[in-house]
PDB file of all heavy atoms in Angstrom:
ATOM      1  N   GLU A   1      -3.186 -12.987 -13.482  1.00  0.00           N
ATOM      2  CA  GLU A   1      -2.149 -13.611 -14.479  1.00  0.00           C
ATOM      3  C   GLU A   1      -1.934 -15.044 -13.993  1.00  0.00           C
ATOM      4  O   GLU A   1      -2.168 -15.467 -12.844  1.00  0.00           O
ATOM      5  CB  GLU A   1      -0.999 -12.878 -14.316  1.00  0.00           C
ATOM      6  CG  GLU A   1      -1.046 -11.324 -14.621  1.00  0.00           C
ATOM      7  CD  GLU A   1      -1.096 -10.974 -16.119  1.00  0.00           C
ATOM      8  OE1 GLU A   1      -1.122 -12.031 -16.933  1.00  0.00           O
ATOM      9  OE2 GLU A   1      -1.068  -9.829 -16.537  1.00  0.00           O
ATOM     10  N   ASP A   2      -1.421 -15.851 -15.016  1.00  0.00           N
ATOM     11  CA  ASP A   2      -0.970 -17.217 -14.536  1.00  0.00           C
ATOM     12  C   ASP A   2       0.139 -17.172 -13.670  1.00  0.00           C
ATOM     13  O   ASP A   2       0.344 -18.036 -12.796  1.00  0.00           O
ATOM     14  CB  ASP A   2      -0.740 -18.067 -15.812  1.00  0.00           C
ATOM     15  CG  ASP A   2      -1.926 -18.459 -16.603  1.00  0.00           C
ATOM     16  OD1 ASP A   2      -3.035 -18.338 -15.989  1.00  0.00           O
ATOM     17  OD2 ASP A   2      -1.777 -18.818 -17.839  1.00  0.00           O
ATOM     18  N   PHE A   3       1.075 -16.212 -13.821  1.00  0.00           N
ATOM     19  CA  PHE A   3       2.238 -16.051 -13.006  1.00  0.00           C
ATOM     20  C   PHE A   3       2.442 -14.542 -12.835  1.00  0.00           C
ATOM     21  O   PHE A   3       2.026 -14.122 -11.663  1.00  0.00           O
ATOM     22  CB  PHE A   3       3.386 -16.685 -13.631  1.00  0.00           C
ATOM     23  CG  PHE A   3       4.725 -16.444 -12.830  1.00  0.00           C
ATOM     24  CD1 PHE A   3       4.944 -17.006 -11.562  1.00  0.00           C
ATOM     25  CD2 PHE A   3       5.771 -15.516 -13.225  1.00  0.00           C
ATOM     26  CE1 PHE A   3       5.980 -16.671 -10.782  1.00  0.00           C
ATOM     27  CE2 PHE A   3       6.864 -15.373 -12.480  1.00  0.00           C
ATOM     28  CZ  PHE A   3       6.983 -15.912 -11.199  1.00  0.00           C
ATOM     29  N   GLY A   4       2.954 -13.800 -13.785  1.00  0.00           N
ATOM     30  CA  GLY A   4       3.095 -12.458 -13.441  1.00  0.00           C
ATOM     31  C   GLY A   4       4.624 -11.987 -13.202  1.00  0.00           C
ATOM     32  O   GLY A   4       5.045 -12.207 -12.085  1.00  0.00           O
ATOM     33  N   ILE A   5       5.261 -11.678 -14.324  1.00  0.00           N
ATOM     34  CA  ILE A   5       6.667 -11.331 -14.155  1.00  0.00           C
ATOM     35  C   ILE A   5       6.697  -9.828 -13.711  1.00  0.00           C
ATOM     36  O   ILE A   5       7.734  -9.611 -12.929  1.00  0.00           O
ATOM     37  CB  ILE A   5       7.499 -11.513 -15.483  1.00  0.00           C
ATOM     38  CG1 ILE A   5       7.643 -12.950 -15.671  1.00  0.00           C
ATOM     39  CG2 ILE A   5       8.849 -10.850 -15.366  1.00  0.00           C
ATOM     40  CD1 ILE A   5       8.362 -13.253 -17.004  1.00  0.00           C
ATOM     41  N   THR A   6       5.910  -8.926 -13.955  1.00  0.00           N
ATOM     42  CA  THR A   6       5.982  -7.630 -13.604  1.00  0.00           C
ATOM     43  C   THR A   6       6.125  -7.432 -12.032  1.00  0.00           C
ATOM     44  O   THR A   6       6.867  -6.603 -11.716  1.00  0.00           O
ATOM     45  CB  THR A   6       4.759  -6.726 -14.197  1.00  0.00           C
ATOM     46  OG1 THR A   6       4.762  -6.863 -15.602  1.00  0.00           O
ATOM     47  CG2 THR A   6       4.921  -5.312 -13.925  1.00  0.00           C
ATOM     48  N   PRO A   7       5.250  -8.100 -11.413  1.00  0.00           N
ATOM     49  CA  PRO A   7       5.423  -7.810  -9.939  1.00  0.00           C
ATOM     50  C   PRO A   7       6.852  -8.352  -9.482  1.00  0.00           C
ATOM     51  O   PRO A   7       7.320  -7.566  -8.537  1.00  0.00           O
ATOM     52  CB  PRO A   7       4.326  -8.873  -9.290  1.00  0.00           C
ATOM     53  CG  PRO A   7       3.360  -9.027 -10.310  1.00  0.00           C
ATOM     54  CD  PRO A   7       4.289  -9.014 -11.680  1.00  0.00           C
ATOM     55  N   LEU A   8       7.462  -9.273 -10.053  1.00  0.00           N
ATOM     56  CA  LEU A   8       8.806  -9.651  -9.635  1.00  0.00           C
ATOM     57  C   LEU A   8       9.879  -8.552  -9.962  1.00  0.00           C
ATOM     58  O   LEU A   8      10.881  -8.331  -9.283  1.00  0.00           O
ATOM     59  CB  LEU A   8       9.184 -10.947 -10.160  1.00  0.00           C
ATOM     60  CG  LEU A   8       8.858 -12.238  -9.358  1.00  0.00           C
ATOM     61  CD1 LEU A   8       9.629 -12.177  -8.072  1.00  0.00           C
ATOM     62  CD2 LEU A   8       7.395 -12.459  -9.079  1.00  0.00           C
ATOM     63  N   GLU A   9       9.597  -7.844 -10.984  1.00  0.00           N
ATOM     64  CA  GLU A   9      10.435  -6.733 -11.510  1.00  0.00           C
ATOM     65  C   GLU A   9      10.371  -5.711 -10.428  1.00  0.00           C
ATOM     66  O   GLU A   9      11.258  -5.039 -10.212  1.00  0.00           O
ATOM     67  CB  GLU A   9      10.115  -6.345 -12.856  1.00  0.00           C
ATOM     68  CG  GLU A   9      10.377  -7.332 -13.956  1.00  0.00           C
ATOM     69  CD  GLU A   9      10.045  -6.943 -15.380  1.00  0.00           C
ATOM     70  OE1 GLU A   9       9.103  -6.133 -15.482  1.00  0.00           O
ATOM     71  OE2 GLU A   9      10.500  -7.545 -16.363  1.00  0.00           O
ATOM     72  N   ALA A  10       9.163  -5.424 -10.104  1.00  0.00           N
ATOM     73  CA  ALA A  10       8.963  -4.423  -8.918  1.00  0.00           C
ATOM     74  C   ALA A  10       9.716  -4.812  -7.631  1.00  0.00           C
ATOM     75  O   ALA A  10      10.337  -3.971  -6.928  1.00  0.00           O
ATOM     76  CB  ALA A  10       7.504  -4.144  -8.726  1.00  0.00           C
ATOM     77  N   MET A  11       9.559  -6.036  -7.297  1.00  0.00           N
ATOM     78  CA  MET A  11      10.235  -6.511  -6.116  1.00  0.00           C
ATOM     79  C   MET A  11      11.636  -6.571  -6.152  1.00  0.00           C
ATOM     80  O   MET A  11      12.416  -6.276  -5.197  1.00  0.00           O
ATOM     81  CB  MET A  11       9.766  -7.899  -5.817  1.00  0.00           C
ATOM     82  CG  MET A  11       8.230  -8.093  -5.322  1.00  0.00           C
ATOM     83  SD  MET A  11       7.684  -9.824  -5.083  1.00  0.00           S
ATOM     84  CE  MET A  11       6.002  -9.646  -5.321  1.00  0.00           C
ATOM     85  N   ALA A  12      12.175  -6.861  -7.382  1.00  0.00           N
ATOM     86  CA  ALA A  12      13.656  -6.852  -7.600  1.00  0.00           C
ATOM     87  C   ALA A  12      14.167  -5.370  -7.417  1.00  0.00           C
ATOM     88  O   ALA A  12      15.365  -5.115  -7.185  1.00  0.00           O
ATOM     89  CB  ALA A  12      14.005  -7.357  -9.064  1.00  0.00           C
ATOM     90  N   SER A  13      13.203  -4.367  -7.577  1.00  0.00           N
ATOM     91  CA  SER A  13      13.542  -2.992  -7.383  1.00  0.00           C
ATOM     92  C   SER A  13      13.296  -2.509  -6.036  1.00  0.00           C
ATOM     93  O   SER A  13      13.493  -1.320  -5.658  1.00  0.00           O
ATOM     94  CB  SER A  13      12.687  -2.066  -8.369  1.00  0.00           C
ATOM     95  OG  SER A  13      12.877  -2.577  -9.702  1.00  0.00           O
ATOM     96  N   GLY A  14      12.984  -3.480  -5.114  1.00  0.00           N
ATOM     97  CA  GLY A  14      12.693  -3.160  -3.748  1.00  0.00           C
ATOM     98  C   GLY A  14      11.503  -2.557  -3.357  1.00  0.00           C
ATOM     99  O   GLY A  14      11.206  -2.079  -2.234  1.00  0.00           O
ATOM    100  N   ARG A  15      10.469  -2.594  -4.268  1.00  0.00           N
ATOM    101  CA  ARG A  15       9.172  -1.842  -4.014  1.00  0.00           C
ATOM    102  C   ARG A  15       8.072  -2.937  -3.830  1.00  0.00           C
ATOM    103  O   ARG A  15       8.018  -3.958  -4.583  1.00  0.00           O
ATOM    104  CB  ARG A  15       8.862  -0.925  -5.279  1.00  0.00           C
ATOM    105  CG  ARG A  15       9.861   0.074  -5.600  1.00  0.00           C
ATOM    106  CD  ARG A  15      10.247   0.904  -4.371  1.00  0.00           C
ATOM    107  NE  ARG A  15       9.225   1.309  -3.600  1.00  0.00           N
ATOM    108  CZ  ARG A  15       9.275   1.660  -2.266  1.00  0.00           C
ATOM    109  NH1 ARG A  15      10.445   1.328  -1.605  1.00  0.00           N
ATOM    110  NH2 ARG A  15       8.258   2.130  -1.566  1.00  0.00           N
ATOM    111  N   PRO A  16       7.132  -2.693  -2.945  1.00  0.00           N
ATOM    112  CA  PRO A  16       5.985  -3.484  -2.696  1.00  0.00           C
ATOM    113  C   PRO A  16       4.933  -3.693  -3.854  1.00  0.00           C
ATOM    114  O   PRO A  16       4.975  -2.645  -4.687  1.00  0.00           O
ATOM    115  CB  PRO A  16       5.436  -3.007  -1.401  1.00  0.00           C
ATOM    116  CG  PRO A  16       5.748  -1.460  -1.369  1.00  0.00           C
ATOM    117  CD  PRO A  16       7.100  -1.428  -2.103  1.00  0.00           C
ATOM    118  N   VAL A  17       4.185  -4.554  -3.872  1.00  0.00           N
ATOM    119  CA  VAL A  17       3.180  -4.871  -4.877  1.00  0.00           C
ATOM    120  C   VAL A  17       1.778  -4.861  -4.273  1.00  0.00           C
ATOM    121  O   VAL A  17       1.669  -5.630  -3.232  1.00  0.00           O
ATOM    122  CB  VAL A  17       3.504  -6.045  -5.690  1.00  0.00           C
ATOM    123  CG1 VAL A  17       2.447  -6.332  -6.734  1.00  0.00           C
ATOM    124  CG2 VAL A  17       4.861  -5.951  -6.432  1.00  0.00           C
ATOM    125  N   ILE A  18       0.854  -4.298  -4.862  1.00  0.00           N
ATOM    126  CA  ILE A  18      -0.656  -4.321  -4.408  1.00  0.00           C
ATOM    127  C   ILE A  18      -1.312  -5.202  -5.632  1.00  0.00           C
ATOM    128  O   ILE A  18      -1.417  -4.584  -6.735  1.00  0.00           O
ATOM    129  CB  ILE A  18      -1.206  -3.006  -4.280  1.00  0.00           C
ATOM    130  CG1 ILE A  18      -0.433  -2.221  -3.206  1.00  0.00           C
ATOM    131  CG2 ILE A  18      -2.698  -3.145  -3.788  1.00  0.00           C
ATOM    132  CD1 ILE A  18      -0.891  -0.843  -2.954  1.00  0.00           C
ATOM    133  N   ALA A  19      -1.649  -6.286  -5.374  1.00  0.00           N
ATOM    134  CA  ALA A  19      -2.120  -7.303  -6.469  1.00  0.00           C
ATOM    135  C   ALA A  19      -3.555  -7.837  -6.045  1.00  0.00           C
ATOM    136  O   ALA A  19      -3.835  -7.953  -4.843  1.00  0.00           O
ATOM    137  CB  ALA A  19      -1.209  -8.340  -6.722  1.00  0.00           C
ATOM    138  N   VAL A  20      -4.427  -8.020  -7.220  1.00  0.00           N
ATOM    139  CA  VAL A  20      -5.595  -8.706  -6.851  1.00  0.00           C
ATOM    140  C   VAL A  20      -5.257 -10.176  -6.435  1.00  0.00           C
ATOM    141  O   VAL A  20      -4.269 -10.860  -6.900  1.00  0.00           O
ATOM    142  CB  VAL A  20      -6.498  -8.864  -8.234  1.00  0.00           C
ATOM    143  CG1 VAL A  20      -5.753  -9.555  -9.271  1.00  0.00           C
ATOM    144  CG2 VAL A  20      -7.810  -9.393  -7.822  1.00  0.00           C
ATOM    145  N   GLY A  21      -5.955 -10.645  -5.331  1.00  0.00           N
ATOM    146  CA  GLY A  21      -5.513 -11.952  -4.702  1.00  0.00           C
ATOM    147  C   GLY A  21      -6.026 -13.139  -5.389  1.00  0.00           C
ATOM    148  O   GLY A  21      -6.671 -13.912  -4.838  1.00  0.00           O
ATOM    149  N   GLN A  22      -5.752 -13.293  -6.643  1.00  0.00           N
ATOM    150  CA  GLN A  22      -5.994 -14.528  -7.436  1.00  0.00           C
ATOM    151  C   GLN A  22      -4.847 -14.778  -8.499  1.00  0.00           C
ATOM    152  O   GLN A  22      -4.117 -13.777  -8.684  1.00  0.00           O
ATOM    153  CB  GLN A  22      -7.309 -14.189  -8.145  1.00  0.00           C
ATOM    154  CG  GLN A  22      -8.509 -13.891  -7.284  1.00  0.00           C
ATOM    155  CD  GLN A  22      -9.753 -13.567  -8.223  1.00  0.00           C
ATOM    156  OE1 GLN A  22     -10.123 -14.365  -9.034  1.00  0.00           O
ATOM    157  NE2 GLN A  22     -10.450 -12.481  -7.950  1.00  0.00           N
ATOM    158  N   GLY A  23      -4.833 -15.916  -8.896  1.00  0.00           N
ATOM    159  CA  GLY A  23      -3.807 -16.292  -9.871  1.00  0.00           C
ATOM    160  C   GLY A  23      -2.532 -16.309  -9.473  1.00  0.00           C
ATOM    161  O   GLY A  23      -2.262 -16.653  -8.183  1.00  0.00           O
ATOM    162  N   GLY A  24      -1.418 -16.088 -10.303  1.00  0.00           N
ATOM    163  CA  GLY A  24      -0.072 -16.248  -9.918  1.00  0.00           C
ATOM    164  C   GLY A  24       0.403 -15.361  -8.855  1.00  0.00           C
ATOM    165  O   GLY A  24       1.444 -15.710  -8.246  1.00  0.00           O
ATOM    166  N   ALA A  25      -0.280 -14.219  -8.565  1.00  0.00           N
ATOM    167  CA  ALA A  25       0.275 -13.298  -7.673  1.00  0.00           C
ATOM    168  C   ALA A  25       0.274 -13.848  -6.314  1.00  0.00           C
ATOM    169  O   ALA A  25       1.009 -13.467  -5.306  1.00  0.00           O
ATOM    170  CB  ALA A  25      -0.600 -12.063  -7.633  1.00  0.00           C
ATOM    171  N   LEU A  26      -0.581 -14.917  -5.997  1.00  0.00           N
ATOM    172  CA  LEU A  26      -0.694 -15.569  -4.616  1.00  0.00           C
ATOM    173  C   LEU A  26       0.743 -16.367  -4.388  1.00  0.00           C
ATOM    174  O   LEU A  26       1.006 -16.554  -3.289  1.00  0.00           O
ATOM    175  CB  LEU A  26      -1.783 -16.438  -4.606  1.00  0.00           C
ATOM    176  CG  LEU A  26      -3.219 -15.870  -4.702  1.00  0.00           C
ATOM    177  CD1 LEU A  26      -4.341 -16.884  -4.711  1.00  0.00           C
ATOM    178  CD2 LEU A  26      -3.396 -14.942  -3.470  1.00  0.00           C
ATOM    179  N   ASP A  27       1.468 -16.588  -5.417  1.00  0.00           N
ATOM    180  CA  ASP A  27       2.766 -17.235  -5.081  1.00  0.00           C
ATOM    181  C   ASP A  27       3.807 -16.298  -4.756  1.00  0.00           C
ATOM    182  O   ASP A  27       4.837 -16.591  -4.183  1.00  0.00           O
ATOM    183  CB  ASP A  27       3.105 -18.045  -6.467  1.00  0.00           C
ATOM    184  CG  ASP A  27       2.377 -19.312  -6.639  1.00  0.00           C
ATOM    185  OD1 ASP A  27       1.390 -19.498  -5.824  1.00  0.00           O
ATOM    186  OD2 ASP A  27       2.762 -20.044  -7.559  1.00  0.00           O
ATOM    187  N   THR A  28       3.628 -14.953  -5.072  1.00  0.00           N
ATOM    188  CA  THR A  28       4.870 -14.007  -4.972  1.00  0.00           C
ATOM    189  C   THR A  28       4.590 -12.900  -4.016  1.00  0.00           C
ATOM    190  O   THR A  28       5.493 -12.316  -3.372  1.00  0.00           O
ATOM    191  CB  THR A  28       5.300 -13.543  -6.263  1.00  0.00           C
ATOM    192  OG1 THR A  28       4.035 -12.904  -7.006  1.00  0.00           O
ATOM    193  CG2 THR A  28       5.685 -14.634  -7.330  1.00  0.00           C
ATOM    194  N   VAL A  29       3.264 -12.439  -3.894  1.00  0.00           N
ATOM    195  CA  VAL A  29       2.980 -11.228  -3.061  1.00  0.00           C
ATOM    196  C   VAL A  29       2.631 -11.782  -1.730  1.00  0.00           C
ATOM    197  O   VAL A  29       1.566 -12.370  -1.479  1.00  0.00           O
ATOM    198  CB  VAL A  29       1.798 -10.485  -3.595  1.00  0.00           C
ATOM    199  CG1 VAL A  29       1.398  -9.269  -2.808  1.00  0.00           C
ATOM    200  CG2 VAL A  29       2.128 -10.147  -5.182  1.00  0.00           C
ATOM    201  N   ILE A  30       3.432 -11.576  -0.752  1.00  0.00           N
ATOM    202  CA  ILE A  30       3.277 -12.051   0.566  1.00  0.00           C
ATOM    203  C   ILE A  30       2.809 -10.787   1.464  1.00  0.00           C
ATOM    204  O   ILE A  30       3.514  -9.878   1.670  1.00  0.00           O
ATOM    205  CB  ILE A  30       4.670 -12.531   1.253  1.00  0.00           C
ATOM    206  CG1 ILE A  30       5.222 -13.625   0.315  1.00  0.00           C
ATOM    207  CG2 ILE A  30       4.396 -13.074   2.700  1.00  0.00           C
ATOM    208  CD1 ILE A  30       6.488 -14.065   0.627  1.00  0.00           C
ATOM    209  N   PRO A  31       1.536 -10.750   1.930  1.00  0.00           N
ATOM    210  CA  PRO A  31       1.039  -9.691   2.632  1.00  0.00           C
ATOM    211  C   PRO A  31       1.833  -9.252   3.867  1.00  0.00           C
ATOM    212  O   PRO A  31       2.353 -10.233   4.585  1.00  0.00           O
ATOM    213  CB  PRO A  31      -0.398 -10.171   3.233  1.00  0.00           C
ATOM    214  CG  PRO A  31      -0.792 -11.178   2.177  1.00  0.00           C
ATOM    215  CD  PRO A  31       0.532 -11.880   1.625  1.00  0.00           C
ATOM    216  N   GLY A  32       2.125  -8.041   4.027  1.00  0.00           N
ATOM    217  CA  GLY A  32       2.989  -7.569   4.966  1.00  0.00           C
ATOM    218  C   GLY A  32       4.517  -7.619   4.720  1.00  0.00           C
ATOM    219  O   GLY A  32       5.303  -7.126   5.554  1.00  0.00           O
ATOM    220  N   VAL A  33       4.987  -8.370   3.699  1.00  0.00           N
ATOM    221  CA  VAL A  33       6.440  -8.569   3.527  1.00  0.00           C
ATOM    222  C   VAL A  33       6.663  -7.951   2.097  1.00  0.00           C
ATOM    223  O   VAL A  33       7.531  -6.917   2.035  1.00  0.00           O
ATOM    224  CB  VAL A  33       6.741 -10.007   3.453  1.00  0.00           C
ATOM    225  CG1 VAL A  33       8.259 -10.209   3.161  1.00  0.00           C
ATOM    226  CG2 VAL A  33       6.331 -10.689   4.844  1.00  0.00           C
ATOM    227  N   THR A  34       6.053  -8.437   0.996  1.00  0.00           N
ATOM    228  CA  THR A  34       6.354  -7.975  -0.321  1.00  0.00           C
ATOM    229  C   THR A  34       5.158  -7.106  -0.854  1.00  0.00           C
ATOM    230  O   THR A  34       5.229  -6.748  -1.992  1.00  0.00           O
ATOM    231  CB  THR A  34       6.558  -9.136  -1.250  1.00  0.00           C
ATOM    232  OG1 THR A  34       5.520  -9.965  -1.388  1.00  0.00           O
ATOM    233  CG2 THR A  34       7.828  -9.826  -0.877  1.00  0.00           C
ATOM    234  N   GLY A  35       4.224  -6.931  -0.053  1.00  0.00           N
ATOM    235  CA  GLY A  35       3.078  -6.149  -0.589  1.00  0.00           C
ATOM    236  C   GLY A  35       1.816  -6.484   0.019  1.00  0.00           C
ATOM    237  O   GLY A  35       1.684  -7.089   1.150  1.00  0.00           O
ATOM    238  N   GLU A  36       0.602  -6.270  -0.588  1.00  0.00           N
ATOM    239  CA  GLU A  36      -0.690  -6.622  -0.140  1.00  0.00           C
ATOM    240  C   GLU A  36      -1.627  -7.116  -1.224  1.00  0.00           C
ATOM    241  O   GLU A  36      -1.248  -6.869  -2.353  1.00  0.00           O
ATOM    242  CB  GLU A  36      -1.366  -5.382   0.505  1.00  0.00           C
ATOM    243  CG  GLU A  36      -0.590  -4.810   1.646  1.00  0.00           C
ATOM    244  CD  GLU A  36      -0.302  -5.732   2.896  1.00  0.00           C
ATOM    245  OE1 GLU A  36      -1.267  -6.686   3.050  1.00  0.00           O
ATOM    246  OE2 GLU A  36       0.508  -5.475   3.685  1.00  0.00           O
TER     247      GLU A  36
END
């Protein structure tokens, strides 16, 4: 995704995210902190 709002909705719910390491997810998914 260019950005990806769905991962932020999961994080707002306190849950980690497992995302493909490309696109906008690289700005929000922090390995070991908010997901992998």
